[in-house]
PDB file of all heavy atoms in Angstrom:
ATOM      1  N   TRP A   1     -13.790 144.407-112.554  1.00  0.00           N
ATOM      2  CA  TRP A   1     -14.256 145.789-112.736  1.00  0.00           C
ATOM      3  C   TRP A   1     -15.648 145.946-112.153  1.00  0.00           C
ATOM      4  O   TRP A   1     -16.499 145.052-112.245  1.00  0.00           O
ATOM      5  CB  TRP A   1     -14.293 146.140-114.224  1.00  0.00           C
ATOM      6  CG  TRP A   1     -14.861 147.508-114.518  1.00  0.00           C
ATOM      7  CD1 TRP A   1     -14.192 148.697-114.569  1.00  0.00           C
ATOM      8  CD2 TRP A   1     -16.239 147.818-114.805  1.00  0.00           C
ATOM      9  NE1 TRP A   1     -15.051 149.729-114.861  1.00  0.00           N
ATOM     10  CE2 TRP A   1     -16.319 149.219-115.009  1.00  0.00           C
ATOM     11  CE3 TRP A   1     -17.397 147.052-114.892  1.00  0.00           C
ATOM     12  CZ2 TRP A   1     -17.529 149.848-115.309  1.00  0.00           C
ATOM     13  CZ3 TRP A   1     -18.601 147.686-115.188  1.00  0.00           C
ATOM     14  CH2 TRP A   1     -18.654 149.072-115.391  1.00  0.00           C
ATOM     15  N   THR A   2     -15.902 147.121-111.548  1.00  0.00           N
ATOM     16  CA  THR A   2     -17.233 147.489-111.075  1.00  0.00           C
ATOM     17  C   THR A   2     -17.516 148.930-111.468  1.00  0.00           C
ATOM     18  O   THR A   2     -16.640 149.801-111.330  1.00  0.00           O
ATOM     19  CB  THR A   2     -17.356 147.340-109.550  1.00  0.00           C
ATOM     20  OG1 THR A   2     -17.133 145.979-109.187  1.00  0.00           O
ATOM     21  CG2 THR A   2     -18.739 147.748-109.064  1.00  0.00           C
ATOM     22  N   CYS A   3     -18.714 149.174-111.938  1.00  0.00           N
ATOM     23  CA  CYS A   3     -19.138 150.523-112.288  1.00  0.00           C
ATOM     24  C   CYS A   3     -18.982 151.441-111.069  1.00  0.00           C
ATOM     25  O   CYS A   3     -19.372 151.063-109.959  1.00  0.00           O
ATOM     26  CB  CYS A   3     -20.596 150.484-112.733  1.00  0.00           C
ATOM     27  SG  CYS A   3     -21.351 152.107-112.939  1.00  0.00           S
ATOM     28  N   PRO A   4     -18.396 152.629-111.231  1.00  0.00           N
ATOM     29  CA  PRO A   4     -18.182 153.524-110.081  1.00  0.00           C
ATOM     30  C   PRO A   4     -19.440 153.777-109.269  1.00  0.00           C
ATOM     31  O   PRO A   4     -19.383 153.875-108.039  1.00  0.00           O
ATOM     32  CB  PRO A   4     -17.665 154.805-110.735  1.00  0.00           C
ATOM     33  CG  PRO A   4     -16.983 154.336-111.985  1.00  0.00           C
ATOM     34  CD  PRO A   4     -17.809 153.182-112.469  1.00  0.00           C
ATOM     35  N   ARG A   5     -20.612 153.849-109.911  1.00  0.00           N
ATOM     36  CA  ARG A   5     -21.856 154.112-109.182  1.00  0.00           C
ATOM     37  C   ARG A   5     -22.305 152.922-108.346  1.00  0.00           C
ATOM     38  O   ARG A   5     -23.134 153.065-107.438  1.00  0.00           O
ATOM     39  CB  ARG A   5     -22.977 154.488-110.153  1.00  0.00           C
ATOM     40  CG  ARG A   5     -22.750 155.770-110.924  1.00  0.00           C
ATOM     41  CD  ARG A   5     -24.042 156.197-111.619  1.00  0.00           C
ATOM     42  NE  ARG A   5     -24.594 155.121-112.442  1.00  0.00           N
ATOM     43  CZ  ARG A   5     -24.212 154.852-113.682  1.00  0.00           C
ATOM     44  NH1 ARG A   5     -23.244 155.589-114.240  1.00  0.00           N
ATOM     45  NH2 ARG A   5     -24.762 153.871-114.365  1.00  0.00           N
ATOM     46  N   CYS A   6     -21.759 151.744-108.652  1.00  0.00           N
ATOM     47  CA  CYS A   6     -22.216 150.511-107.988  1.00  0.00           C
ATOM     48  C   CYS A   6     -21.221 149.986-106.961  1.00  0.00           C
ATOM     49  O   CYS A   6     -21.455 148.918-106.374  1.00  0.00           O
ATOM     50  CB  CYS A   6     -22.472 149.426-109.030  1.00  0.00           C
ATOM     51  SG  CYS A   6     -23.722 149.868-110.256  1.00  0.00           S
ATOM     52  N   ARG A   7     -20.147 150.710-106.746  1.00  0.00           N
ATOM     53  CA  ARG A   7     -19.138 150.226-105.806  1.00  0.00           C
ATOM     54  C   ARG A   7     -19.675 150.242-104.381  1.00  0.00           C
ATOM     55  O   ARG A   7     -20.520 151.054-104.036  1.00  0.00           O
ATOM     56  CB  ARG A   7     -17.862 151.057-105.919  1.00  0.00           C
ATOM     57  CG  ARG A   7     -17.126 150.813-107.230  1.00  0.00           C
ATOM     58  CD  ARG A   7     -15.970 151.749-107.454  1.00  0.00           C
ATOM     59  NE  ARG A   7     -15.408 151.557-108.792  1.00  0.00           N
ATOM     60  CZ  ARG A   7     -14.549 152.379-109.370  1.00  0.00           C
ATOM     61  NH1 ARG A   7     -14.162 153.480-108.727  1.00  0.00           N
ATOM     62  NH2 ARG A   7     -14.098 152.121-110.574  1.00  0.00           N
ATOM     63  N   GLY A   8     -19.188 149.329-103.583  1.00  0.00           N
ATOM     64  CA  GLY A   8     -19.633 149.224-102.201  1.00  0.00           C
ATOM     65  C   GLY A   8     -20.854 148.347-102.012  1.00  0.00           C
ATOM     66  O   GLY A   8     -21.348 148.191-100.894  1.00  0.00           O
ATOM     67  N   GLN A   9     -21.360 147.743-103.097  1.00  0.00           N
ATOM     68  CA  GLN A   9     -22.543 146.889-103.011  1.00  0.00           C
ATOM     69  C   GLN A   9     -22.203 145.404-102.986  1.00  0.00           C
ATOM     70  O   GLN A   9     -23.095 144.558-102.933  1.00  0.00           O
ATOM     71  CB  GLN A   9     -23.473 147.170-104.192  1.00  0.00           C
ATOM     72  CG  GLN A   9     -23.984 148.602-104.256  1.00  0.00           C
ATOM     73  CD  GLN A   9     -24.881 148.841-105.452  1.00  0.00           C
ATOM     74  OE1 GLN A   9     -25.499 147.919-105.989  1.00  0.00           O
ATOM     75  NE2 GLN A   9     -24.963 150.098-105.882  1.00  0.00           N
ATOM     76  N   GLY A  10     -20.906 145.065-103.049  1.00  0.00           N
ATOM     77  CA  GLY A  10     -20.488 143.671-102.995  1.00  0.00           C
ATOM     78  C   GLY A  10     -20.655 142.914-104.298  1.00  0.00           C
ATOM     79  O   GLY A  10     -20.650 141.676-104.304  1.00  0.00           O
ATOM     80  N   LEU A  11     -20.793 143.634-105.419  1.00  0.00           N
ATOM     81  CA  LEU A  11     -21.027 142.961-106.697  1.00  0.00           C
ATOM     82  C   LEU A  11     -19.814 142.153-107.148  1.00  0.00           C
ATOM     83  O   LEU A  11     -19.945 140.993-107.563  1.00  0.00           O
ATOM     84  CB  LEU A  11     -21.406 143.987-107.772  1.00  0.00           C
ATOM     85  CG  LEU A  11     -22.678 144.793-107.513  1.00  0.00           C
ATOM     86  CD1 LEU A  11     -22.903 145.812-108.631  1.00  0.00           C
ATOM     87  CD2 LEU A  11     -23.874 143.863-107.394  1.00  0.00           C
ATOM     88  N   ALA A  12     -18.626 142.764-107.081  1.00  0.00           N
ATOM     89  CA  ALA A  12     -17.418 142.051-107.493  1.00  0.00           C
ATOM     90  C   ALA A  12     -17.154 140.872-106.564  1.00  0.00           C
ATOM     91  O   ALA A  12     -16.746 139.787-107.010  1.00  0.00           O
ATOM     92  CB  ALA A  12     -16.221 143.000-107.505  1.00  0.00           C
ATOM     93  N   GLU A  13     -17.376 141.061-105.275  1.00  0.00           N
ATOM     94  CA  GLU A  13     -17.180 139.964-104.323  1.00  0.00           C
ATOM     95  C   GLU A  13     -18.097 138.794-104.654  1.00  0.00           C
ATOM     96  O   GLU A  13     -17.676 137.629-104.623  1.00  0.00           O
ATOM     97  CB  GLU A  13     -17.435 140.446-102.898  1.00  0.00           C
ATOM     98  CG  GLU A  13     -17.263 139.347-101.856  1.00  0.00           C
ATOM     99  CD  GLU A  13     -17.448 139.843-100.445  1.00  0.00           C
ATOM    100  OE1 GLU A  13     -17.684 141.056-100.255  1.00  0.00           O
ATOM    101  OE2 GLU A  13     -17.346 139.014 -99.513  1.00  0.00           O
ATOM    102  N   ALA A  14     -19.347 139.084-104.980  1.00  0.00           N
ATOM    103  CA  ALA A  14     -20.292 138.016-105.309  1.00  0.00           C
ATOM    104  C   ALA A  14     -19.851 137.261-106.559  1.00  0.00           C
ATOM    105  O   ALA A  14     -19.948 136.025-106.626  1.00  0.00           O
ATOM    106  CB  ALA A  14     -21.684 138.599-105.506  1.00  0.00           C
ATOM    107  N   LEU A  15     -19.346 137.978-107.560  1.00  0.00           N
ATOM    108  CA  LEU A  15     -18.872 137.312-108.777  1.00  0.00           C
ATOM    109  C   LEU A  15     -17.649 136.452-108.492  1.00  0.00           C
ATOM    110  O   LEU A  15     -17.534 135.325-108.993  1.00  0.00           O
ATOM    111  CB  LEU A  15     -18.548 138.354-109.847  1.00  0.00           C
ATOM    112  CG  LEU A  15     -19.738 139.096-110.460  1.00  0.00           C
ATOM    113  CD1 LEU A  15     -19.255 140.143-111.459  1.00  0.00           C
ATOM    114  CD2 LEU A  15     -20.708 138.124-111.129  1.00  0.00           C
ATOM    115  N   LEU A  16     -16.728 136.964-107.696  1.00  0.00           N
ATOM    116  CA  LEU A  16     -15.538 136.184-107.361  1.00  0.00           C
ATOM    117  C   LEU A  16     -15.904 134.947-106.549  1.00  0.00           C
ATOM    118  O   LEU A  16     -15.304 133.875-106.722  1.00  0.00           O
ATOM    119  CB  LEU A  16     -14.537 137.052-106.604  1.00  0.00           C
ATOM    120  CG  LEU A  16     -13.799 138.097-107.456  1.00  0.00           C
ATOM    121  CD1 LEU A  16     -13.067 139.088-106.568  1.00  0.00           C
ATOM    122  CD2 LEU A  16     -12.825 137.412-108.412  1.00  0.00           C
ATOM    123  N   GLN A  17     -16.869 135.076-105.657  1.00  0.00           N
ATOM    124  CA  GLN A  17     -17.307 133.908-104.895  1.00  0.00           C
ATOM    125  C   GLN A  17     -17.938 132.864-105.809  1.00  0.00           C
ATOM    126  O   GLN A  17     -17.742 131.660-105.615  1.00  0.00           O
ATOM    127  CB  GLN A  17     -18.283 134.331-103.795  1.00  0.00           C
ATOM    128  CG  GLN A  17     -17.618 135.069-102.646  1.00  0.00           C
ATOM    129  CD  GLN A  17     -18.611 135.556-101.617  1.00  0.00           C
ATOM    130  OE1 GLN A  17     -19.791 135.773-101.912  1.00  0.00           O
ATOM    131  NE2 GLN A  17     -18.151 135.750-100.391  1.00  0.00           N
ATOM    132  N   ARG A  18     -18.681 133.313-106.804  1.00  0.00           N
ATOM    133  CA  ARG A  18     -19.227 132.378-107.799  1.00  0.00           C
ATOM    134  C   ARG A  18     -18.111 131.654-108.531  1.00  0.00           C
ATOM    135  O   ARG A  18     -18.179 130.443-108.758  1.00  0.00           O
ATOM    136  CB  ARG A  18     -20.103 133.118-108.806  1.00  0.00           C
ATOM    137  CG  ARG A  18     -21.507 133.421-108.360  1.00  0.00           C
ATOM    138  CD  ARG A  18     -22.280 134.138-109.456  1.00  0.00           C
ATOM    139  NE  ARG A  18     -22.314 133.372-110.699  1.00  0.00           N
ATOM    140  CZ  ARG A  18     -22.711 133.874-111.868  1.00  0.00           C
ATOM    141  NH1 ARG A  18     -23.079 135.151-111.958  1.00  0.00           N
ATOM    142  NH2 ARG A  18     -22.741 133.114-112.943  1.00  0.00           N
ATOM    143  N   LEU A  19     -17.078 132.405-108.887  1.00  0.00           N
ATOM    144  CA  LEU A  19     -15.952 131.812-109.596  1.00  0.00           C
ATOM    145  C   LEU A  19     -15.247 130.787-108.713  1.00  0.00           C
ATOM    146  O   LEU A  19     -14.911 129.681-109.166  1.00  0.00           O
ATOM    147  CB  LEU A  19     -14.973 132.917-110.015  1.00  0.00           C
ATOM    148  CG  LEU A  19     -13.733 132.471-110.796  1.00  0.00           C
ATOM    149  CD1 LEU A  19     -14.140 131.818-112.102  1.00  0.00           C
ATOM    150  CD2 LEU A  19     -12.818 133.662-111.045  1.00  0.00           C
ATOM    151  N   ILE A  20     -15.043 131.133-107.457  1.00  0.00           N
ATOM    152  CA  ILE A  20     -14.370 130.223-106.523  1.00  0.00           C
ATOM    153  C   ILE A  20     -15.163 128.928-106.365  1.00  0.00           C
ATOM    154  O   ILE A  20     -14.603 127.832-106.352  1.00  0.00           O
ATOM    155  CB  ILE A  20     -14.165 130.922-105.165  1.00  0.00           C
ATOM    156  CG1 ILE A  20     -13.124 132.049-105.292  1.00  0.00           C
ATOM    157  CG2 ILE A  20     -13.730 129.924-104.091  1.00  0.00           C
ATOM    158  CD1 ILE A  20     -13.076 132.981-104.091  1.00  0.00           C
ATOM    159  N   ARG A  21     -16.478 129.060-106.257  1.00  0.00           N
ATOM    160  CA  ARG A  21     -17.315 127.872-106.083  1.00  0.00           C
ATOM    161  C   ARG A  21     -17.345 126.989-107.325  1.00  0.00           C
ATOM    162  O   ARG A  21     -17.646 125.795-107.235  1.00  0.00           O
ATOM    163  CB  ARG A  21     -18.746 128.277-105.719  1.00  0.00           C
ATOM    164  CG  ARG A  21     -18.900 128.863-104.321  1.00  0.00           C
ATOM    165  CD  ARG A  21     -20.372 128.938-103.933  1.00  0.00           C
ATOM    166  NE  ARG A  21     -21.136 129.805-104.814  1.00  0.00           N
ATOM    167  CZ  ARG A  21     -21.339 131.097-104.610  1.00  0.00           C
ATOM    168  NH1 ARG A  21     -20.817 131.694-103.544  1.00  0.00           N
ATOM    169  NH2 ARG A  21     -22.072 131.813-105.444  1.00  0.00           N
ATOM    170  N   SER A  22     -17.018 127.557-108.471  1.00  0.00           N
ATOM    171  CA  SER A  22     -17.155 126.830-109.732  1.00  0.00           C
ATOM    172  C   SER A  22     -15.953 125.972-110.070  1.00  0.00           C
ATOM    173  O   SER A  22     -16.015 125.181-111.020  1.00  0.00           O
ATOM    174  CB  SER A  22     -17.391 127.822-110.876  1.00  0.00           C
ATOM    175  OG  SER A  22     -16.189 128.535-111.189  1.00  0.00           O
ATOM    176  N   THR A  23     -14.853 126.095-109.339  1.00  0.00           N
ATOM    177  CA  THR A  23     -13.629 125.402-109.723  1.00  0.00           C
ATOM    178  C   THR A  23     -12.869 124.896-108.512  1.00  0.00           C
ATOM    179  O   THR A  23     -12.990 125.447-107.419  1.00  0.00           O
ATOM    180  CB  THR A  23     -12.717 126.346-110.546  1.00  0.00           C
ATOM    181  OG1 THR A  23     -11.533 125.644-110.944  1.00  0.00           O
ATOM    182  CG2 THR A  23     -12.312 127.570-109.733  1.00  0.00           C
ATOM    183  N   GLY A  24     -12.084 123.856-108.730  1.00  0.00           N
ATOM    184  CA  GLY A  24     -11.169 123.380-107.700  1.00  0.00           C
ATOM    185  C   GLY A  24      -9.741 123.803-107.970  1.00  0.00           C
ATOM    186  O   GLY A  24      -8.829 123.470-107.204  1.00  0.00           O
ATOM    187  N   LYS A  25      -9.529 124.548-109.056  1.00  0.00           N
ATOM    188  CA  LYS A  25      -8.183 125.000-109.406  1.00  0.00           C
ATOM    189  C   LYS A  25      -7.725 126.144-108.508  1.00  0.00           C
ATOM    190  O   LYS A  25      -8.547 126.894-107.973  1.00  0.00           O
ATOM    191  CB  LYS A  25      -8.151 125.488-110.861  1.00  0.00           C
ATOM    192  CG  LYS A  25      -8.379 124.435-111.913  1.00  0.00           C
ATOM    193  CD  LYS A  25      -8.275 125.057-113.298  1.00  0.00           C
ATOM    194  CE  LYS A  25      -8.455 124.024-114.396  1.00  0.00           C
ATOM    195  NZ  LYS A  25      -8.317 124.648-115.749  1.00  0.00           N
ATOM    196  N   ASP A  26      -6.402 126.298-108.374  1.00  0.00           N
ATOM    197  CA  ASP A  26      -5.867 127.517-107.780  1.00  0.00           C
ATOM    198  C   ASP A  26      -6.288 128.691-108.656  1.00  0.00           C
ATOM    199  O   ASP A  26      -6.392 128.566-109.884  1.00  0.00           O
ATOM    200  CB  ASP A  26      -4.342 127.469-107.725  1.00  0.00           C
ATOM    201  CG  ASP A  26      -3.830 126.626-106.572  1.00  0.00           C
ATOM    202  OD1 ASP A  26      -4.628 125.903-105.952  1.00  0.00           O
ATOM    203  OD2 ASP A  26      -2.616 126.688-106.299  1.00  0.00           O
ATOM    204  N   ILE A  27      -6.505 129.848-108.029  1.00  0.00           N
ATOM    205  CA  ILE A  27      -6.874 131.058-108.762  1.00  0.00           C
ATOM    206  C   ILE A  27      -5.782 132.093-108.532  1.00  0.00           C
ATOM    207  O   ILE A  27      -5.418 132.380-107.385  1.00  0.00           O
ATOM    208  CB  ILE A  27      -8.238 131.599-108.306  1.00  0.00           C
ATOM    209  CG1 ILE A  27      -9.323 130.525-108.498  1.00  0.00           C
ATOM    210  CG2 ILE A  27      -8.595 132.865-109.073  1.00  0.00           C
ATOM    211  CD1 ILE A  27     -10.698 130.942-108.010  1.00  0.00           C
ATOM    212  N   VAL A  28      -5.261 132.661-109.607  1.00  0.00           N
ATOM    213  CA  VAL A  28      -4.151 133.613-109.551  1.00  0.00           C
ATOM    214  C   VAL A  28      -4.577 134.919-110.194  1.00  0.00           C
ATOM    215  O   VAL A  28      -5.324 134.937-111.180  1.00  0.00           O
ATOM    216  CB  VAL A  28      -2.913 133.044-110.276  1.00  0.00           C
ATOM    217  CG1 VAL A  28      -1.772 134.059-110.269  1.00  0.00           C
ATOM    218  CG2 VAL A  28      -2.462 131.740-109.620  1.00  0.00           C
ATOM    219  N   LEU A  29      -4.105 136.031-109.628  1.00  0.00           N
ATOM    220  CA  LEU A  29      -4.324 137.332-110.249  1.00  0.00           C
ATOM    221  C   LEU A  29      -3.164 138.254-109.912  1.00  0.00           C
ATOM    222  O   LEU A  29      -2.405 138.001-108.965  1.00  0.00           O
ATOM    223  CB  LEU A  29      -5.658 137.948-109.804  1.00  0.00           C
ATOM    224  CG  LEU A  29      -5.923 138.157-108.302  1.00  0.00           C
ATOM    225  CD1 LEU A  29      -5.286 139.451-107.794  1.00  0.00           C
ATOM    226  CD2 LEU A  29      -7.423 138.185-108.032  1.00  0.00           C
ATOM    227  N   HIS A  30      -3.002 139.299-110.704  1.00  0.00           N
ATOM    228  CA  HIS A  30      -2.000 140.333-110.457  1.00  0.00           C
ATOM    229  C   HIS A  30      -2.714 141.609-110.044  1.00  0.00           C
ATOM    230  O   HIS A  30      -3.741 141.972-110.624  1.00  0.00           O
ATOM    231  CB  HIS A  30      -1.151 140.600-111.706  1.00  0.00           C
ATOM    232  CG  HIS A  30      -0.417 139.396-112.201  1.00  0.00           C
ATOM    233  ND1 HIS A  30       0.316 138.581-111.375  1.00  0.00           N
ATOM    234  CD2 HIS A  30      -0.303 138.861-113.448  1.00  0.00           C
ATOM    235  CE1 HIS A  30       0.852 137.598-112.078  1.00  0.00           C
ATOM    236  NE2 HIS A  30       0.487 137.747-113.345  1.00  0.00           N
ATOM    237  N   VAL A  31      -2.158 142.320-109.069  1.00  0.00           N
ATOM    238  CA  VAL A  31      -2.798 143.531-108.584  1.00  0.00           C
ATOM    239  C   VAL A  31      -1.738 144.539-108.171  1.00  0.00           C
ATOM    240  O   VAL A  31      -0.671 144.171-107.649  1.00  0.00           O
ATOM    241  CB  VAL A  31      -3.740 143.211-107.391  1.00  0.00           C
ATOM    242  CG1 VAL A  31      -2.969 142.639-106.211  1.00  0.00           C
ATOM    243  CG2 VAL A  31      -4.539 144.430-106.974  1.00  0.00           C
ATOM    244  N   HIS A  32      -1.996 145.817-108.420  1.00  0.00           N
ATOM    245  CA  HIS A  32      -1.096 146.875-107.977  1.00  0.00           C
ATOM    246  C   HIS A  32      -1.131 146.959-106.458  1.00  0.00           C
ATOM    247  O   HIS A  32      -2.189 146.833-105.842  1.00  0.00           O
ATOM    248  CB  HIS A  32      -1.511 148.211-108.596  1.00  0.00           C
ATOM    249  CG  HIS A  32      -0.514 149.310-108.413  1.00  0.00           C
ATOM    250  ND1 HIS A  32      -0.391 150.015-107.232  1.00  0.00           N
ATOM    251  CD2 HIS A  32       0.423 149.821-109.260  1.00  0.00           C
ATOM    252  CE1 HIS A  32       0.557 150.917-107.357  1.00  0.00           C
ATOM    253  NE2 HIS A  32       1.071 150.831-108.584  1.00  0.00           N
ATOM    254  N   GLN A  33       0.015 147.167-105.857  1.00  0.00           N
ATOM    255  CA  GLN A  33       0.102 147.153-104.391  1.00  0.00           C
ATOM    256  C   GLN A  33      -0.760 148.227-103.729  1.00  0.00           C
ATOM    257  O   GLN A  33      -1.142 148.096-102.560  1.00  0.00           O
ATOM    258  CB  GLN A  33       1.552 147.327-103.951  1.00  0.00           C
ATOM    259  CG  GLN A  33       2.172 148.649-104.345  1.00  0.00           C
ATOM    260  CD  GLN A  33       3.644 148.728-103.999  1.00  0.00           C
ATOM    261  OE1 GLN A  33       4.254 147.720-103.648  1.00  0.00           O
ATOM    262  NE2 GLN A  33       4.221 149.920-104.089  1.00  0.00           N
ATOM    263  N   ASP A  34      -1.103 149.287-104.461  1.00  0.00           N
ATOM    264  CA  ASP A  34      -1.930 150.354-103.892  1.00  0.00           C
ATOM    265  C   ASP A  34      -3.412 150.226-104.248  1.00  0.00           C
ATOM    266  O   ASP A  34      -4.216 151.087-103.862  1.00  0.00           O
ATOM    267  CB  ASP A  34      -1.419 151.721-104.374  1.00  0.00           C
ATOM    268  CG  ASP A  34      -0.002 152.009-103.898  1.00  0.00           C
ATOM    269  OD1 ASP A  34       0.342 151.558-102.789  1.00  0.00           O
ATOM    270  OD2 ASP A  34       0.751 152.672-104.642  1.00  0.00           O
ATOM    271  N   ASN A  35      -3.751 149.193-104.977  1.00  0.00           N
ATOM    272  CA  ASN A  35      -5.137 149.024-105.392  1.00  0.00           C
ATOM    273  C   ASN A  35      -5.992 148.651-104.179  1.00  0.00           C
ATOM    274  O   ASN A  35      -5.723 147.645-103.505  1.00  0.00           O
ATOM    275  CB  ASN A  35      -5.232 147.918-106.447  1.00  0.00           C
ATOM    276  CG  ASN A  35      -6.587 147.862-107.120  1.00  0.00           C
ATOM    277  OD1 ASN A  35      -7.605 148.209-106.524  1.00  0.00           O
ATOM    278  ND2 ASN A  35      -6.610 147.426-108.371  1.00  0.00           N
ATOM    279  N   PRO A  36      -7.028 149.422-103.849  1.00  0.00           N
ATOM    280  CA  PRO A  36      -7.870 149.092-102.685  1.00  0.00           C
ATOM    281  C   PRO A  36      -8.574 147.752-102.800  1.00  0.00           C
ATOM    282  O   PRO A  36      -9.013 147.192-101.792  1.00  0.00           O
ATOM    283  CB  PRO A  36      -8.867 150.253-102.623  1.00  0.00           C
ATOM    284  CG  PRO A  36      -8.850 150.867-103.985  1.00  0.00           C
ATOM    285  CD  PRO A  36      -7.472 150.665-104.514  1.00  0.00           C
ATOM    286  N   ALA A  37      -8.671 147.206-104.014  1.00  0.00           N
ATOM    287  CA  ALA A  37      -9.311 145.898-104.188  1.00  0.00           C
ATOM    288  C   ALA A  37      -8.516 144.788-103.514  1.00  0.00           C
ATOM    289  O   ALA A  37      -9.044 143.687-103.298  1.00  0.00           O
ATOM    290  CB  ALA A  37      -9.476 145.591-105.675  1.00  0.00           C
ATOM    291  N   THR A  38      -7.249 145.074-103.176  1.00  0.00           N
ATOM    292  CA  THR A  38      -6.425 144.069-102.493  1.00  0.00           C
ATOM    293  C   THR A  38      -7.093 143.578-101.214  1.00  0.00           C
ATOM    294  O   THR A  38      -7.012 142.402-100.865  1.00  0.00           O
ATOM    295  CB  THR A  38      -5.037 144.652-102.171  1.00  0.00           C
ATOM    296  OG1 THR A  38      -4.411 145.068-103.389  1.00  0.00           O
ATOM    297  CG2 THR A  38      -4.151 143.619-101.485  1.00  0.00           C
ATOM    298  N   LYS A  39      -7.774 144.478-100.513  1.00  0.00           N
ATOM    299  CA  LYS A  39      -8.456 144.078 -99.270  1.00  0.00           C
ATOM    300  C   LYS A  39      -9.538 143.041 -99.544  1.00  0.00           C
ATOM    301  O   LYS A  39      -9.742 142.116 -98.751  1.00  0.00           O
ATOM    302  CB  LYS A  39      -9.040 145.309 -98.585  1.00  0.00           C
ATOM    303  CG  LYS A  39      -7.999 146.288 -98.056  1.00  0.00           C
ATOM    304  CD  LYS A  39      -8.659 147.463 -97.341  1.00  0.00           C
ATOM    305  CE  LYS A  39      -7.620 148.419 -96.788  1.00  0.00           C
ATOM    306  NZ  LYS A  39      -8.248 149.591 -96.100  1.00  0.00           N
ATOM    307  N   LEU A  40     -10.246 143.195-100.653  1.00  0.00           N
ATOM    308  CA  LEU A  40     -11.275 142.224-101.020  1.00  0.00           C
ATOM    309  C   LEU A  40     -10.633 140.870-101.301  1.00  0.00           C
ATOM    310  O   LEU A  40     -11.126 139.833-100.828  1.00  0.00           O
ATOM    311  CB  LEU A  40     -12.043 142.703-102.246  1.00  0.00           C
ATOM    312  CG  LEU A  40     -12.963 141.668-102.911  1.00  0.00           C
ATOM    313  CD1 LEU A  40     -14.024 141.184-101.937  1.00  0.00           C
ATOM    314  CD2 LEU A  40     -13.590 142.240-104.175  1.00  0.00           C
ATOM    315  N   TYR A  41      -9.529 140.872-102.069  1.00  0.00           N
ATOM    316  CA  TYR A  41      -8.885 139.608-102.405  1.00  0.00           C
ATOM    317  C   TYR A  41      -8.369 138.899-101.145  1.00  0.00           C
ATOM    318  O   TYR A  41      -8.499 137.681-101.015  1.00  0.00           O
ATOM    319  CB  TYR A  41      -7.739 139.852-103.379  1.00  0.00           C
ATOM    320  CG  TYR A  41      -8.166 140.582-104.639  1.00  0.00           C
ATOM    321  CD1 TYR A  41      -7.350 141.544-105.236  1.00  0.00           C
ATOM    322  CD2 TYR A  41      -9.400 140.325-105.234  1.00  0.00           C
ATOM    323  CE1 TYR A  41      -7.735 142.211-106.374  1.00  0.00           C
ATOM    324  CE2 TYR A  41      -9.800 140.993-106.383  1.00  0.00           C
ATOM    325  CZ  TYR A  41      -8.968 141.943-106.947  1.00  0.00           C
ATOM    326  OH  TYR A  41      -9.353 142.610-108.076  1.00  0.00           O
ATOM    327  N   GLU A  42      -7.817 139.662-100.229  1.00  0.00           N
ATOM    328  CA  GLU A  42      -7.335 139.056 -98.987  1.00  0.00           C
ATOM    329  C   GLU A  42      -8.492 138.508 -98.165  1.00  0.00           C
ATOM    330  O   GLU A  42      -8.378 137.446 -97.550  1.00  0.00           O
ATOM    331  CB  GLU A  42      -6.549 140.091 -98.185  1.00  0.00           C
ATOM    332  CG  GLU A  42      -5.227 140.474 -98.831  1.00  0.00           C
ATOM    333  CD  GLU A  42      -4.519 141.601 -98.100  1.00  0.00           C
ATOM    334  OE1 GLU A  42      -5.181 142.267 -97.261  1.00  0.00           O
ATOM    335  OE2 GLU A  42      -3.320 141.824 -98.370  1.00  0.00           O
ATOM    336  N   LYS A  43      -9.611 139.207 -98.165  1.00  0.00           N
ATOM    337  CA  LYS A  43     -10.800 138.734 -97.465  1.00  0.00           C
ATOM    338  C   LYS A  43     -11.259 137.387 -98.018  1.00  0.00           C
ATOM    339  O   LYS A  43     -11.725 136.511 -97.262  1.00  0.00           O
ATOM    340  CB  LYS A  43     -11.921 139.772 -97.587  1.00  0.00           C
ATOM    341  CG  LYS A  43     -13.255 139.330 -96.998  1.00  0.00           C
ATOM    342  CD  LYS A  43     -14.336 140.374 -97.262  1.00  0.00           C
ATOM    343  CE  LYS A  43     -15.702 139.901 -96.764  1.00  0.00           C
ATOM    344  NZ  LYS A  43     -16.766 140.904 -97.068  1.00  0.00           N
ATOM    345  N   LEU A  44     -11.121 137.210 -99.314  1.00  0.00           N
ATOM    346  CA  LEU A  44     -11.546 135.974 -99.957  1.00  0.00           C
ATOM    347  C   LEU A  44     -10.521 134.856 -99.812  1.00  0.00           C
ATOM    348  O   LEU A  44     -10.770 133.734-100.261  1.00  0.00           O
ATOM    349  CB  LEU A  44     -11.834 136.229-101.441  1.00  0.00           C
ATOM    350  CG  LEU A  44     -13.052 137.117-101.727  1.00  0.00           C
ATOM    351  CD1 LEU A  44     -13.117 137.462-103.205  1.00  0.00           C
ATOM    352  CD2 LEU A  44     -14.336 136.433-101.277  1.00  0.00           C
ATOM    353  N   GLY A  45      -9.367 135.165 -99.225  1.00  0.00           N
ATOM    354  CA  GLY A  45      -8.374 134.128 -98.965  1.00  0.00           C
ATOM    355  C   GLY A  45      -7.165 134.138 -99.871  1.00  0.00           C
ATOM    356  O   GLY A  45      -6.309 133.246 -99.777  1.00  0.00           O
ATOM    357  N   PHE A  46      -7.041 135.142-100.752  1.00  0.00           N
ATOM    358  CA  PHE A  46      -5.862 135.232-101.614  1.00  0.00           C
ATOM    359  C   PHE A  46      -4.642 135.605-100.773  1.00  0.00           C
ATOM    360  O   PHE A  46      -4.736 136.405 -99.836  1.00  0.00           O
ATOM    361  CB  PHE A  46      -6.069 136.276-102.711  1.00  0.00           C
ATOM    362  CG  PHE A  46      -6.982 135.836-103.814  1.00  0.00           C
ATOM    363  CD1 PHE A  46      -8.361 135.919-103.675  1.00  0.00           C
ATOM    364  CD2 PHE A  46      -6.474 135.342-105.003  1.00  0.00           C
ATOM    365  CE1 PHE A  46      -9.212 135.514-104.687  1.00  0.00           C
ATOM    366  CE2 PHE A  46      -7.312 134.945-106.035  1.00  0.00           C
ATOM    367  CZ  PHE A  46      -8.689 135.022-105.879  1.00  0.00           C
TER     368      PHE A  46
END
């Protein structure tokens, strides 16, 4: 989640990158096919 006023600043991406760096496990999530956040997840390698 990101506050609507703060979107476009890369905050969620930075948190996800922190999470990725913190673990060697596979990371799984569910997302609606129309959710624009899908582009971010694909950018990160999902």
